[in-house]
Amino acid sequence: MGSEIFTPAIKGDALRSLKAPGEAYNDPTIGKDPQPRHMDGFLQLPDTEEGDWGGVHLNSGIPNHAFYLVATFVGGQAWKAPGHIWYESLKASTETTNFQEFADFTNQMAARLYGTNSAEQQAVQAGWKEVGIRITGAAAAPAPTRAPHLAETDGQAALIAKLDAIADQVQQLSSEVALLTARYPGPAATS
């Protein structure tokens, strides 16, 4: 994120790296990216402005990296299944939701949106495990709450995910037909 924020004089790729938190920049002028990517590096800071309100921005490298891993495990476009899971989990969160609760929300949302033991849910569990957070399961965490008028969203989300998959397959088939047509043109049409 922020891949073009630095001038050429600053040694850095971006403001934040989801792929490699802690490695986005390293320059004598601004220092080294302090974000941890694993709970082993979690920064215990005071809940003050100087302490980044408990390290809210600094420690965000951990869930950011979990998202990157989930997106990598699922494959395809990150804004589809992983983005949808994270978005719905953010809507279910509050300002006091901690990393463990959020990880559990993402696991529950993956099951709701894509099915229990789906590839998406397995990716969520694996992503969080790699950053040092084990999913405690739906029974151990409060179920995310939804506004009553959004109750139909889960069914719609599953349908949208299926339609996206079909659209991807149709696009792939179209590309293959175009290649075959170019490689093996039929007889010329007569008028």
C-alpha atoms as a PDB file:
ATOM      1  CA  MET A   1       0.000   0.000   0.000  1.00  0.00           C
ATOM      2  CA  GLY A   2       1.315   3.422  -0.865  1.00  0.00           C
ATOM      3  CA  SER A   3       3.713   2.067  -3.486  1.00  0.00           C
ATOM      4  CA  GLU A   4       4.376   5.518  -4.949  1.00  0.00           C
ATOM      5  CA  ILE A   5       4.488   7.524  -1.733  1.00  0.00           C
ATOM      6  CA  PHE A   6       8.278   7.747  -1.437  1.00  0.00           C
ATOM      7  CA  THR A   7      10.571   9.888  -3.546  1.00  0.00           C
ATOM      8  CA  PRO A   8      13.483   8.158  -5.324  1.00  0.00           C
ATOM      9  CA  ALA A   9      15.727   9.437  -2.511  1.00  0.00           C
ATOM     10  CA  ILE A  10      13.976   7.165   0.034  1.00  0.00           C
ATOM     11  CA  LYS A  11      14.877   3.474   0.104  1.00  0.00           C
ATOM     12  CA  GLY A  12      11.518   1.772   0.217  1.00  0.00           C
ATOM     13  CA  ASP A  13       8.902  -0.013  -1.842  1.00  0.00           C
ATOM     14  CA  ALA A  14       5.758   1.183  -0.085  1.00  0.00           C
ATOM     15  CA  LEU A  15       4.259   2.547   3.112  1.00  0.00           C
ATOM     16  CA  ARG A  16       3.001  -0.924   4.076  1.00  0.00           C
ATOM     17  CA  SER A  17       3.622  -4.432   2.788  1.00  0.00           C
ATOM     18  CA  LEU A  18       0.990  -7.107   3.202  1.00  0.00           C
ATOM     19  CA  LYS A  19       3.361  -9.677   1.736  1.00  0.00           C
ATOM     20  CA  ALA A  20       6.276  -8.783   4.014  1.00  0.00           C
ATOM     21  CA  PRO A  21       5.345  -6.500   6.924  1.00  0.00           C
ATOM     22  CA  GLY A  22       8.476  -4.996   8.395  1.00  0.00           C
ATOM     23  CA  GLU A  23      10.194  -4.863   4.996  1.00  0.00           C
ATOM     24  CA  ALA A  24       8.310  -2.093   3.174  1.00  0.00           C
ATOM     25  CA  TYR A  25      11.087   0.442   3.744  1.00  0.00           C
ATOM     26  CA  ASN A  26      14.489   0.824   5.361  1.00  0.00           C
ATOM     27  CA  ASP A  27      16.028   4.266   5.039  1.00  0.00           C
ATOM     28  CA  PRO A  28      18.224   6.375   7.332  1.00  0.00           C
ATOM     29  CA  THR A  29      15.846   9.337   6.952  1.00  0.00           C
ATOM     30  CA  ILE A  30      12.626   7.597   8.035  1.00  0.00           C
ATOM     31  CA  GLY A  31      13.935   4.432   9.667  1.00  0.00           C
ATOM     32  CA  LYS A  32      12.901   0.828   9.173  1.00  0.00           C
ATOM     33  CA  ASP A  33       9.340  -0.440   8.756  1.00  0.00           C
ATOM     34  CA  PRO A  34       8.401  -1.486  12.329  1.00  0.00           C
ATOM     35  CA  GLN A  35       5.419  -3.695  11.511  1.00  0.00           C
ATOM     36  CA  PRO A  36       5.487  -7.273  12.785  1.00  0.00           C
ATOM     37  CA  ARG A  37       4.118 -10.068  10.589  1.00  0.00           C
ATOM     38  CA  HIS A  38       3.663 -12.639  13.378  1.00  0.00           C
ATOM     39  CA  MET A  39       2.259 -12.570  16.901  1.00  0.00           C
ATOM     40  CA  ASP A  40       5.783 -13.314  18.183  1.00  0.00           C
ATOM     41  CA  GLY A  41       6.591  -9.704  17.241  1.00  0.00           C
ATOM     42  CA  PHE A  42       3.388  -8.146  18.654  1.00  0.00           C
ATOM     43  CA  LEU A  43       4.215  -4.736  20.125  1.00  0.00           C
ATOM     44  CA  GLN A  44       2.829  -4.089  23.625  1.00  0.00           C
ATOM     45  CA  LEU A  45       2.415  -0.315  23.583  1.00  0.00           C
ATOM     46  CA  PRO A  46       0.486   2.118  25.809  1.00  0.00           C
ATOM     47  CA  ASP A  47      -2.988   3.231  24.798  1.00  0.00           C
ATOM     48  CA  THR A  48      -1.806   6.777  24.059  1.00  0.00           C
ATOM     49  CA  GLU A  49      -1.121   8.792  20.942  1.00  0.00           C
ATOM     50  CA  GLU A  50       2.628   8.253  21.425  1.00  0.00           C
ATOM     51  CA  GLY A  51       1.963   4.531  21.842  1.00  0.00           C
ATOM     52  CA  ASP A  52      -0.034   4.379  18.595  1.00  0.00           C
ATOM     53  CA  TRP A  53      -3.156   3.723  20.675  1.00  0.00           C
ATOM     54  CA  GLY A  54      -1.838   0.340  21.779  1.00  0.00           C
ATOM     55  CA  GLY A  55       0.030  -0.270  18.529  1.00  0.00           C
ATOM     56  CA  VAL A  56      -3.091  -0.292  16.365  1.00  0.00           C
ATOM     57  CA  HIS A  57      -1.251   0.810  13.216  1.00  0.00           C
ATOM     58  CA  LEU A  58       2.044  -0.893  13.897  1.00  0.00           C
ATOM     59  CA  ASN A  59       0.524  -4.263  14.806  1.00  0.00           C
ATOM     60  CA  SER A  60      -1.801  -4.182  11.786  1.00  0.00           C
ATOM     61  CA  GLY A  61       0.962  -5.948   9.879  1.00  0.00           C
ATOM     62  CA  ILE A  62      -0.212  -9.191  11.512  1.00  0.00           C
ATOM     63  CA  PRO A  63      -3.809  -9.263  10.183  1.00  0.00           C
ATOM     64  CA  ASN A  64      -2.610  -7.647   6.943  1.00  0.00           C
ATOM     65  CA  HIS A  65      -0.195 -10.542   6.436  1.00  0.00           C
ATOM     66  CA  ALA A  66      -2.920 -13.058   7.335  1.00  0.00           C
ATOM     67  CA  PHE A  67      -5.091 -11.516   4.597  1.00  0.00           C
ATOM     68  CA  TYR A  68      -2.218 -11.716   2.108  1.00  0.00           C
ATOM     69  CA  LEU A  69      -1.696 -15.394   2.969  1.00  0.00           C
ATOM     70  CA  VAL A  70      -5.409 -16.194   2.654  1.00  0.00           C
ATOM     71  CA  ALA A  71      -5.553 -14.443  -0.717  1.00  0.00           C
ATOM     72  CA  THR A  72      -2.482 -16.366  -1.847  1.00  0.00           C
ATOM     73  CA  PHE A  73      -3.912 -19.699  -0.670  1.00  0.00           C
ATOM     74  CA  VAL A  74      -7.283 -19.080  -2.330  1.00  0.00           C
ATOM     75  CA  GLY A  75      -5.739 -17.686  -5.516  1.00  0.00           C
ATOM     76  CA  GLY A  76      -7.444 -15.505  -8.074  1.00  0.00           C
ATOM     77  CA  GLN A  77      -8.423 -11.962  -7.236  1.00  0.00           C
ATOM     78  CA  ALA A  78      -8.013 -10.907  -3.616  1.00  0.00           C
ATOM     79  CA  TRP A  79     -11.149  -8.742  -3.653  1.00  0.00           C
ATOM     80  CA  LYS A  80     -13.344 -11.753  -4.362  1.00  0.00           C
ATOM     81  CA  ALA A  81     -13.508 -14.471  -1.670  1.00  0.00           C
ATOM     82  CA  PRO A  82     -10.801 -13.165   0.710  1.00  0.00           C
ATOM     83  CA  GLY A  83     -11.956  -9.567   0.378  1.00  0.00           C
ATOM     84  CA  HIS A  84     -15.563 -10.553   0.888  1.00  0.00           C
ATOM     85  CA  ILE A  85     -14.691 -12.596   3.993  1.00  0.00           C
ATOM     86  CA  TRP A  86     -12.647  -9.718   5.467  1.00  0.00           C
ATOM     87  CA  TYR A  87     -15.281  -7.104   4.628  1.00  0.00           C
ATOM     88  CA  GLU A  88     -18.107  -9.065   6.238  1.00  0.00           C
ATOM     89  CA  SER A  89     -15.901  -9.757   9.276  1.00  0.00           C
ATOM     90  CA  LEU A  90     -15.064  -6.067   9.609  1.00  0.00           C
ATOM     91  CA  LYS A  91     -18.777  -5.265   9.578  1.00  0.00           C
ATOM     92  CA  ALA A  92     -19.269  -7.781  12.402  1.00  0.00           C
ATOM     93  CA  SER A  93     -16.425  -6.259  14.448  1.00  0.00           C
ATOM     94  CA  THR A  94     -16.398  -3.375  16.897  1.00  0.00           C
ATOM     95  CA  GLU A  95     -13.693  -0.985  18.057  1.00  0.00           C
ATOM     96  CA  THR A  96     -12.808  -3.440  20.841  1.00  0.00           C
ATOM     97  CA  THR A  97     -12.511  -6.578  18.675  1.00  0.00           C
ATOM     98  CA  ASN A  98      -9.081  -8.118  19.195  1.00  0.00           C
ATOM     99  CA  PHE A  99      -7.034 -10.176  16.742  1.00  0.00           C
ATOM    100  CA  GLN A 100      -8.280 -13.522  18.086  1.00  0.00           C
ATOM    101  CA  GLU A 101     -11.920 -12.472  17.817  1.00  0.00           C
ATOM    102  CA  PHE A 102     -11.381 -11.098  14.322  1.00  0.00           C
ATOM    103  CA  ALA A 103      -9.646 -14.292  13.215  1.00  0.00           C
ATOM    104  CA  ASP A 104     -12.612 -16.272  14.556  1.00  0.00           C
ATOM    105  CA  PHE A 105     -15.024 -13.958  12.719  1.00  0.00           C
ATOM    106  CA  THR A 106     -13.174 -14.551   9.439  1.00  0.00           C
ATOM    107  CA  ASN A 107     -13.378 -18.307   9.998  1.00  0.00           C
ATOM    108  CA  GLN A 108     -17.103 -18.107  10.688  1.00  0.00           C
ATOM    109  CA  MET A 109     -17.692 -15.862   7.671  1.00  0.00           C
ATOM    110  CA  ALA A 110     -15.728 -18.187   5.403  1.00  0.00           C
ATOM    111  CA  ALA A 111     -17.980 -21.054   6.529  1.00  0.00           C
ATOM    112  CA  ARG A 112     -21.148 -18.974   6.092  1.00  0.00           C
ATOM    113  CA  LEU A 113     -20.193 -17.618   2.687  1.00  0.00           C
ATOM    114  CA  TYR A 114     -18.415 -20.594   1.130  1.00  0.00           C
ATOM    115  CA  GLY A 115     -19.258 -23.591   3.291  1.00  0.00           C
ATOM    116  CA  THR A 116     -17.822 -25.448   6.256  1.00  0.00           C
ATOM    117  CA  ASN A 117     -14.453 -26.988   5.385  1.00  0.00           C
ATOM    118  CA  SER A 118     -14.468 -25.168   2.030  1.00  0.00           C
ATOM    119  CA  ALA A 119     -11.153 -24.240   0.436  1.00  0.00           C
ATOM    120  CA  GLU A 120     -11.820 -20.654   1.530  1.00  0.00           C
ATOM    121  CA  GLN A 121     -12.344 -21.619   5.162  1.00  0.00           C
ATOM    122  CA  GLN A 122      -9.263 -23.838   5.136  1.00  0.00           C
ATOM    123  CA  ALA A 123      -7.258 -20.946   3.660  1.00  0.00           C
ATOM    124  CA  VAL A 124      -8.497 -18.643   6.433  1.00  0.00           C
ATOM    125  CA  GLN A 125      -7.435 -21.121   9.103  1.00  0.00           C
ATOM    126  CA  ALA A 126      -4.032 -21.660   7.479  1.00  0.00           C
ATOM    127  CA  GLY A 127      -3.414 -17.932   7.001  1.00  0.00           C
ATOM    128  CA  TRP A 128      -4.088 -17.107  10.629  1.00  0.00           C
ATOM    129  CA  LYS A 129      -2.037 -20.083  11.814  1.00  0.00           C
ATOM    130  CA  GLU A 130       0.985 -18.785   9.880  1.00  0.00           C
ATOM    131  CA  VAL A 131       0.820 -15.453  11.728  1.00  0.00           C
ATOM    132  CA  GLY A 132       0.544 -17.185  15.111  1.00  0.00           C
ATOM    133  CA  ILE A 133      -3.212 -17.126  15.708  1.00  0.00           C
ATOM    134  CA  ARG A 134      -5.147 -20.369  15.925  1.00  0.00           C
ATOM    135  CA  ILE A 135      -8.858 -20.235  15.206  1.00  0.00           C
ATOM    136  CA  THR A 136     -10.773 -21.124  18.346  1.00  0.00           C
ATOM    137  CA  GLY A 137     -13.925 -22.025  16.452  1.00  0.00           C
ATOM    138  CA  ALA A 138     -17.471 -20.730  16.271  1.00  0.00           C
ATOM    139  CA  ALA A 139     -18.470 -22.146  19.657  1.00  0.00           C
ATOM    140  CA  ALA A 140     -15.635 -20.323  21.439  1.00  0.00           C
ATOM    141  CA  ALA A 141     -16.317 -16.916  19.897  1.00  0.00           C
ATOM    142  CA  PRO A 142     -19.532 -14.915  19.715  1.00  0.00           C
ATOM    143  CA  ALA A 143     -21.241 -15.265  16.366  1.00  0.00           C
ATOM    144  CA  PRO A 144     -21.010 -12.122  14.252  1.00  0.00           C
ATOM    145  CA  THR A 145     -24.223 -10.174  14.390  1.00  0.00           C
ATOM    146  CA  ARG A 146     -25.979  -8.757  11.349  1.00  0.00           C
ATOM    147  CA  ALA A 147     -28.667  -6.247  10.898  1.00  0.00           C
ATOM    148  CA  PRO A 148     -31.992  -8.013  10.193  1.00  0.00           C
ATOM    149  CA  HIS A 149     -32.298  -6.391   6.753  1.00  0.00           C
ATOM    150  CA  LEU A 150     -28.948  -7.989   5.761  1.00  0.00           C
ATOM    151  CA  ALA A 151     -29.957 -11.564   6.598  1.00  0.00           C
ATOM    152  CA  GLU A 152     -30.268 -12.488   2.930  1.00  0.00           C
ATOM    153  CA  THR A 153     -26.699 -11.326   2.224  1.00  0.00           C
ATOM    154  CA  ASP A 154     -25.127 -14.725   2.930  1.00  0.00           C
ATOM    155  CA  GLY A 155     -27.185 -16.502   0.277  1.00  0.00           C
ATOM    156  CA  GLN A 156     -26.553 -13.690  -2.165  1.00  0.00           C
ATOM    157  CA  ALA A 157     -22.834 -13.794  -1.427  1.00  0.00           C
ATOM    158  CA  ALA A 158     -22.673 -17.520  -2.123  1.00  0.00           C
ATOM    159  CA  LEU A 159     -24.565 -16.999  -5.370  1.00  0.00           C
ATOM    160  CA  ILE A 160     -22.265 -14.127  -6.373  1.00  0.00           C
ATOM    161  CA  ALA A 161     -19.222 -16.297  -5.632  1.00  0.00           C
ATOM    162  CA  LYS A 162     -20.625 -19.062  -7.844  1.00  0.00           C
ATOM    163  CA  LEU A 163     -21.452 -16.590 -10.615  1.00  0.00           C
ATOM    164  CA  ASP A 164     -17.936 -15.139 -10.412  1.00  0.00           C
ATOM    165  CA  ALA A 165     -16.495 -18.643 -10.740  1.00  0.00           C
ATOM    166  CA  ILE A 166     -18.717 -19.352 -13.753  1.00  0.00           C
ATOM    167  CA  ALA A 167     -17.768 -16.027 -15.339  1.00  0.00           C
ATOM    168  CA  ASP A 168     -14.084 -16.902 -14.881  1.00  0.00           C
ATOM    169  CA  GLN A 169     -14.689 -20.299 -16.519  1.00  0.00           C
ATOM    170  CA  VAL A 170     -16.564 -18.719 -19.440  1.00  0.00           C
ATOM    171  CA  GLN A 171     -13.738 -16.212 -19.937  1.00  0.00           C
ATOM    172  CA  GLN A 172     -11.179 -19.046 -19.904  1.00  0.00           C
ATOM    173  CA  LEU A 173     -13.238 -21.052 -22.411  1.00  0.00           C
ATOM    174  CA  SER A 174     -13.598 -17.999 -24.650  1.00  0.00           C
ATOM    175  CA  SER A 175      -9.829 -17.547 -24.635  1.00  0.00           C
ATOM    176  CA  GLU A 176      -9.318 -21.208 -25.493  1.00  0.00           C
ATOM    177  CA  VAL A 177     -11.850 -21.032 -28.351  1.00  0.00           C
ATOM    178  CA  ALA A 178     -10.125 -17.906 -29.703  1.00  0.00           C
ATOM    179  CA  LEU A 179      -6.764 -19.708 -29.627  1.00  0.00           C
ATOM    180  CA  LEU A 180      -8.192 -22.773 -31.374  1.00  0.00           C
ATOM    181  CA  THR A 181      -9.948 -20.624 -33.962  1.00  0.00           C
ATOM    182  CA  ALA A 182      -6.707 -18.754 -34.697  1.00  0.00           C
ATOM    183  CA  ARG A 183      -4.731 -21.978 -34.878  1.00  0.00           C
ATOM    184  CA  TYR A 184      -7.247 -23.955 -36.950  1.00  0.00           C
ATOM    185  CA  PRO A 185      -9.273 -21.523 -39.074  1.00  0.00           C
ATOM    186  CA  GLY A 186     -12.257 -23.107 -40.779  1.00  0.00           C
ATOM    187  CA  PRO A 187     -12.991 -22.855 -44.475  1.00  0.00           C
ATOM    188  CA  ALA A 188     -13.515 -19.302 -45.691  1.00  0.00           C
ATOM    189  CA  ALA A 189     -17.121 -18.218 -45.732  1.00  0.00           C
ATOM    190  CA  THR A 190     -18.582 -17.702 -49.173  1.00  0.00           C
ATOM    191  CA  SER A 191     -21.017 -14.991 -50.019  1.00  0.00           C
END
